[in-house]
Amino acid sequence: MMMRPVAPGSAVGVLQESNRRHGPEGAASVATHRSTIPAMGKAVRRVPAHWKHPTDDRGNYIPLRDGAKYEQRVREWDEGAAKWQEGLQRSYDAGVWQPLKAEYRG
């Protein structure tokens, strides 16, 4: 198998070096080598580590959001975008459409 040249220390280079030393199914993993690939920490998690998606009795995932509400929000968003293009914005106090302020016009 012919390998293309790669930069030393790159992710591909680390894998190729591992394969040269231990074979493609070797005991060593990329994690044991000095890698320039930053490891992802737990700080980016948005749910607890032990959280599991709810399932029904047959093991199928249960949706967490209702699709009907989503479709309604999309319609409202599209209406607002069209009105904005017309130079209007919704007044949340009165619930009516009114002209955009001069500072918001493009």
N, C-alpha and C. Protein backbone atom coordinates (compact mmCIF):
# COMPACT_ATOMS: atom_id res chain seq x y z
N MET A 1 0.85 -1.17 0.00
CA MET A 1 0.00 0.00 0.00
C MET A 1 0.89 1.24 0.00
N MET A 2 0.63 2.13 -0.93
CA MET A 2 1.43 3.34 -1.06
C MET A 2 0.79 4.45 -0.24
N MET A 3 1.57 5.10 0.63
CA MET A 3 1.05 6.17 1.47
C MET A 3 1.55 7.51 0.96
N ARG A 4 0.65 8.47 0.97
CA ARG A 4 1.04 9.82 0.59
C ARG A 4 1.80 10.46 1.74
N PRO A 5 2.74 11.35 1.44
CA PRO A 5 3.47 12.02 2.51
C PRO A 5 2.54 12.93 3.31
N VAL A 6 2.73 12.94 4.62
CA VAL A 6 1.93 13.79 5.51
C VAL A 6 2.86 14.53 6.45
N ALA A 7 2.34 15.57 7.06
CA ALA A 7 3.13 16.37 8.00
C ALA A 7 3.37 15.57 9.28
N PRO A 8 4.61 15.56 9.79
CA PRO A 8 4.89 14.85 11.05
C PRO A 8 4.06 15.45 12.18
N GLY A 9 3.50 14.59 13.01
CA GLY A 9 2.72 15.06 14.15
C GLY A 9 1.27 15.32 13.82
N SER A 10 0.89 15.27 12.54
CA SER A 10 -0.52 15.46 12.20
C SER A 10 -1.29 14.22 12.59
N ALA A 11 -2.62 14.30 12.62
CA ALA A 11 -3.43 13.15 13.01
C ALA A 11 -3.17 11.96 12.11
N VAL A 12 -3.07 12.20 10.82
CA VAL A 12 -2.80 11.11 9.88
C VAL A 12 -1.40 10.56 10.12
N GLY A 13 -0.45 11.43 10.37
CA GLY A 13 0.91 10.99 10.63
C GLY A 13 1.01 10.13 11.88
N VAL A 14 0.29 10.50 12.93
CA VAL A 14 0.28 9.71 14.17
C VAL A 14 -0.30 8.34 13.91
N LEU A 15 -1.40 8.26 13.15
CA LEU A 15 -2.00 6.97 12.83
C LEU A 15 -1.06 6.12 11.99
N GLN A 16 -0.42 6.72 10.99
CA GLN A 16 0.50 5.97 10.15
C GLN A 16 1.68 5.44 10.96
N GLU A 17 2.19 6.25 11.88
CA GLU A 17 3.31 5.81 12.71
C GLU A 17 2.87 4.66 13.61
N SER A 18 1.68 4.75 14.17
CA SER A 18 1.15 3.67 15.00
C SER A 18 1.01 2.39 14.20
N ASN A 19 0.50 2.50 12.98
CA ASN A 19 0.34 1.33 12.13
C ASN A 19 1.69 0.73 11.74
N ARG A 20 2.71 1.56 11.51
CA ARG A 20 4.03 1.06 11.16
C ARG A 20 4.62 0.27 12.34
N ARG A 21 4.42 0.79 13.56
CA ARG A 21 5.01 0.14 14.74
C ARG A 21 4.25 -1.12 15.16
N HIS A 22 2.91 -1.05 15.12
CA HIS A 22 2.11 -2.11 15.74
C HIS A 22 1.15 -2.81 14.78
N GLY A 23 1.10 -2.38 13.53
CA GLY A 23 0.15 -2.95 12.59
C GLY A 23 -1.21 -2.29 12.77
N PRO A 24 -2.10 -2.39 11.78
CA PRO A 24 -3.39 -1.70 11.86
C PRO A 24 -4.24 -2.13 13.06
N GLU A 25 -4.10 -3.39 13.51
CA GLU A 25 -4.87 -3.87 14.66
C GLU A 25 -4.00 -3.98 15.90
N GLY A 26 -2.93 -3.21 15.95
CA GLY A 26 -1.96 -3.30 17.05
C GLY A 26 -2.56 -2.93 18.39
N ALA A 27 -1.80 -3.27 19.45
CA ALA A 27 -2.29 -3.04 20.81
C ALA A 27 -2.25 -1.57 21.19
N ALA A 28 -1.34 -0.82 20.60
CA ALA A 28 -1.22 0.58 20.96
C ALA A 28 -2.32 1.39 20.31
N SER A 29 -2.84 2.35 21.01
CA SER A 29 -3.86 3.24 20.44
C SER A 29 -3.27 4.62 20.23
N VAL A 30 -3.95 5.42 19.46
CA VAL A 30 -3.48 6.78 19.19
C VAL A 30 -3.38 7.58 20.49
N ALA A 31 -4.24 7.27 21.44
CA ALA A 31 -4.26 8.02 22.69
C ALA A 31 -2.97 7.83 23.49
N THR A 32 -2.23 6.73 23.26
CA THR A 32 -1.00 6.50 24.00
C THR A 32 0.18 7.26 23.41
N HIS A 33 0.04 7.78 22.21
CA HIS A 33 1.10 8.54 21.55
C HIS A 33 0.94 10.02 21.85
N ARG A 34 2.01 10.74 21.67
CA ARG A 34 1.92 12.19 21.81
C ARG A 34 1.19 12.72 20.60
N SER A 35 0.01 13.23 20.82
CA SER A 35 -0.83 13.70 19.72
C SER A 35 -0.99 15.20 19.79
N THR A 36 -1.10 15.81 18.62
CA THR A 36 -1.36 17.24 18.57
C THR A 36 -2.86 17.52 18.52
N ILE A 37 -3.66 16.45 18.54
CA ILE A 37 -5.11 16.61 18.51
C ILE A 37 -5.58 16.93 19.92
N PRO A 38 -6.23 18.08 20.14
CA PRO A 38 -6.69 18.40 21.50
C PRO A 38 -7.81 17.45 21.92
N ALA A 39 -7.76 17.00 23.17
CA ALA A 39 -8.79 16.11 23.70
C ALA A 39 -10.01 16.93 24.11
N MET A 40 -11.20 16.39 23.88
CA MET A 40 -12.42 17.10 24.26
C MET A 40 -12.68 16.85 25.74
N GLY A 41 -12.85 17.90 26.48
CA GLY A 41 -13.10 17.77 27.91
C GLY A 41 -14.58 17.66 28.23
N LYS A 42 -14.87 17.42 29.48
CA LYS A 42 -16.27 17.29 29.91
C LYS A 42 -16.95 18.65 30.02
N ALA A 43 -16.20 19.72 29.93
CA ALA A 43 -16.77 21.06 30.08
C ALA A 43 -17.77 21.39 28.98
N VAL A 44 -17.71 20.71 27.84
CA VAL A 44 -18.62 21.02 26.75
C VAL A 44 -19.92 20.23 26.85
N ARG A 45 -20.05 19.32 27.80
CA ARG A 45 -21.27 18.54 27.94
C ARG A 45 -22.42 19.43 28.36
N ARG A 46 -23.60 19.18 27.80
CA ARG A 46 -24.79 19.95 28.16
C ARG A 46 -25.77 19.13 29.00
N VAL A 47 -25.51 17.87 29.11
CA VAL A 47 -26.35 16.99 29.94
C VAL A 47 -25.42 16.26 30.90
N PRO A 48 -25.97 15.77 32.02
CA PRO A 48 -25.13 15.01 32.95
C PRO A 48 -24.57 13.76 32.27
N ALA A 49 -23.40 13.32 32.71
CA ALA A 49 -22.75 12.16 32.10
C ALA A 49 -23.58 10.90 32.21
N HIS A 50 -24.41 10.77 33.23
CA HIS A 50 -25.22 9.56 33.43
C HIS A 50 -26.59 9.64 32.75
N TRP A 51 -26.92 10.74 32.08
CA TRP A 51 -28.24 10.91 31.47
C TRP A 51 -28.44 9.95 30.31
N LYS A 52 -29.63 9.37 30.24
CA LYS A 52 -29.98 8.48 29.13
C LYS A 52 -31.28 8.97 28.52
N HIS A 53 -31.35 8.93 27.20
CA HIS A 53 -32.55 9.35 26.49
C HIS A 53 -33.71 8.42 26.86
N PRO A 54 -34.90 8.98 27.17
CA PRO A 54 -36.02 8.12 27.56
C PRO A 54 -36.48 7.22 26.41
N THR A 55 -36.85 5.98 26.76
CA THR A 55 -37.34 5.02 25.78
C THR A 55 -38.67 4.45 26.24
N ASP A 56 -39.43 3.90 25.28
CA ASP A 56 -40.69 3.24 25.63
C ASP A 56 -40.41 1.77 25.99
N ASP A 57 -41.47 0.99 26.17
CA ASP A 57 -41.34 -0.41 26.58
C ASP A 57 -40.57 -1.26 25.56
N ARG A 58 -40.61 -0.88 24.29
CA ARG A 58 -39.94 -1.65 23.24
C ARG A 58 -38.53 -1.14 22.97
N GLY A 59 -38.07 -0.14 23.68
CA GLY A 59 -36.72 0.38 23.50
C GLY A 59 -36.60 1.50 22.48
N ASN A 60 -37.74 1.96 21.93
CA ASN A 60 -37.72 3.07 20.97
C ASN A 60 -37.60 4.39 21.72
N TYR A 61 -36.85 5.31 21.15
CA TYR A 61 -36.69 6.62 21.78
C TYR A 61 -38.00 7.40 21.77
N ILE A 62 -38.27 8.09 22.88
CA ILE A 62 -39.45 8.93 23.00
C ILE A 62 -39.03 10.36 22.66
N PRO A 63 -39.72 11.05 21.72
CA PRO A 63 -39.34 12.42 21.36
C PRO A 63 -39.42 13.35 22.57
N LEU A 64 -38.46 14.25 22.68
CA LEU A 64 -38.44 15.19 23.79
C LEU A 64 -39.21 16.47 23.49
N ARG A 65 -39.46 16.71 22.21
CA ARG A 65 -40.17 17.93 21.80
C ARG A 65 -41.36 17.55 20.93
N ASP A 66 -42.40 18.37 21.03
CA ASP A 66 -43.60 18.14 20.25
C ASP A 66 -43.45 18.80 18.88
N GLY A 67 -43.59 18.05 17.81
CA GLY A 67 -43.43 18.58 16.46
C GLY A 67 -44.46 19.62 16.09
N ALA A 68 -45.68 19.54 16.65
CA ALA A 68 -46.73 20.51 16.32
C ALA A 68 -46.33 21.91 16.80
N LYS A 69 -45.77 22.00 17.98
CA LYS A 69 -45.33 23.31 18.49
C LYS A 69 -44.19 23.86 17.65
N TYR A 70 -43.31 22.99 17.18
CA TYR A 70 -42.20 23.42 16.34
C TYR A 70 -42.73 24.03 15.05
N GLU A 71 -43.67 23.35 14.40
CA GLU A 71 -44.23 23.88 13.15
C GLU A 71 -44.88 25.24 13.37
N GLN A 72 -45.56 25.42 14.49
CA GLN A 72 -46.18 26.71 14.80
C GLN A 72 -45.10 27.79 14.97
N ARG A 73 -44.02 27.46 15.68
CA ARG A 73 -42.94 28.44 15.87
C ARG A 73 -42.27 28.80 14.55
N VAL A 74 -42.13 27.83 13.65
CA VAL A 74 -41.54 28.11 12.34
C VAL A 74 -42.43 29.05 11.54
N ARG A 75 -43.73 28.81 11.58
CA ARG A 75 -44.66 29.71 10.87
C ARG A 75 -44.58 31.13 11.43
N GLU A 76 -44.54 31.27 12.75
CA GLU A 76 -44.42 32.59 13.37
C GLU A 76 -43.10 33.25 12.98
N TRP A 77 -42.00 32.47 12.96
CA TRP A 77 -40.69 33.01 12.58
C TRP A 77 -40.72 33.50 11.14
N ASP A 78 -41.28 32.68 10.24
CA ASP A 78 -41.35 33.07 8.83
C ASP A 78 -42.19 34.32 8.64
N GLU A 79 -43.30 34.41 9.36
CA GLU A 79 -44.14 35.61 9.28
C GLU A 79 -43.35 36.83 9.75
N GLY A 80 -42.63 36.70 10.87
CA GLY A 80 -41.83 37.80 11.39
C GLY A 80 -40.74 38.22 10.42
N ALA A 81 -40.09 37.24 9.77
CA ALA A 81 -39.03 37.57 8.79
C ALA A 81 -39.60 38.32 7.60
N ALA A 82 -40.78 37.90 7.13
CA ALA A 82 -41.42 38.59 6.00
C ALA A 82 -41.80 40.02 6.38
N LYS A 83 -42.36 40.18 7.57
CA LYS A 83 -42.74 41.54 8.03
C LYS A 83 -41.50 42.41 8.20
N TRP A 84 -40.40 41.83 8.69
CA TRP A 84 -39.16 42.59 8.87
C TRP A 84 -38.68 43.11 7.52
N GLN A 85 -38.76 42.26 6.48
CA GLN A 85 -38.37 42.68 5.14
C GLN A 85 -39.26 43.82 4.64
N GLU A 86 -40.50 43.86 5.09
CA GLU A 86 -41.43 44.94 4.73
C GLU A 86 -41.18 46.19 5.56
N GLY A 87 -40.29 46.11 6.55
CA GLY A 87 -40.00 47.26 7.40
C GLY A 87 -40.88 47.34 8.63
N LEU A 88 -41.43 46.21 9.07
CA LEU A 88 -42.30 46.18 10.24
C LEU A 88 -41.72 45.26 11.31
N GLN A 89 -42.09 45.55 12.56
CA GLN A 89 -41.74 44.67 13.67
C GLN A 89 -42.93 44.57 14.60
N ARG A 90 -43.01 43.44 15.32
CA ARG A 90 -44.15 43.22 16.22
C ARG A 90 -43.94 43.99 17.51
N SER A 91 -44.99 44.67 17.95
CA SER A 91 -45.00 45.30 19.26
C SER A 91 -45.54 44.27 20.24
N TYR A 92 -44.70 43.79 21.12
CA TYR A 92 -45.14 42.74 22.03
C TYR A 92 -46.07 43.28 23.12
N ASP A 93 -46.06 44.60 23.35
CA ASP A 93 -46.99 45.19 24.30
C ASP A 93 -48.41 45.18 23.74
N ALA A 94 -48.55 45.67 22.50
CA ALA A 94 -49.88 45.80 21.90
C ALA A 94 -50.22 44.61 20.99
N GLY A 95 -49.21 43.81 20.58
CA GLY A 95 -49.43 42.66 19.72
C GLY A 95 -49.75 43.02 18.28
N VAL A 96 -49.30 44.19 17.84
CA VAL A 96 -49.56 44.62 16.47
C VAL A 96 -48.23 44.87 15.77
N TRP A 97 -48.27 44.94 14.42
CA TRP A 97 -47.08 45.24 13.64
C TRP A 97 -46.95 46.74 13.48
N GLN A 98 -45.74 47.27 13.70
CA GLN A 98 -45.49 48.71 13.56
C GLN A 98 -44.18 48.92 12.82
N PRO A 99 -43.97 50.10 12.25
CA PRO A 99 -42.76 50.37 11.48
C PRO A 99 -41.48 50.21 12.34
N LEU A 100 -40.42 49.75 11.69
CA LEU A 100 -39.13 49.62 12.36
C LEU A 100 -38.59 51.00 12.72
N LYS A 101 -37.86 51.05 13.83
CA LYS A 101 -37.17 52.29 14.19
C LYS A 101 -36.05 52.51 13.20
N ALA A 102 -35.67 53.76 13.00
CA ALA A 102 -34.64 54.11 12.01
C ALA A 102 -33.31 53.42 12.30
N GLU A 103 -32.98 53.20 13.57
CA GLU A 103 -31.71 52.58 13.91
C GLU A 103 -31.62 51.10 13.51
N TYR A 104 -32.76 50.45 13.27
CA TYR A 104 -32.78 49.04 12.89
C TYR A 104 -32.89 48.82 11.38
N ARG A 105 -33.14 49.88 10.63
CA ARG A 105 -33.27 49.73 9.19
C ARG A 105 -31.91 49.58 8.55
N GLY A 106 -31.83 48.75 7.50
CA GLY A 106 -30.54 48.48 6.87
C GLY A 106 -30.25 49.31 5.69
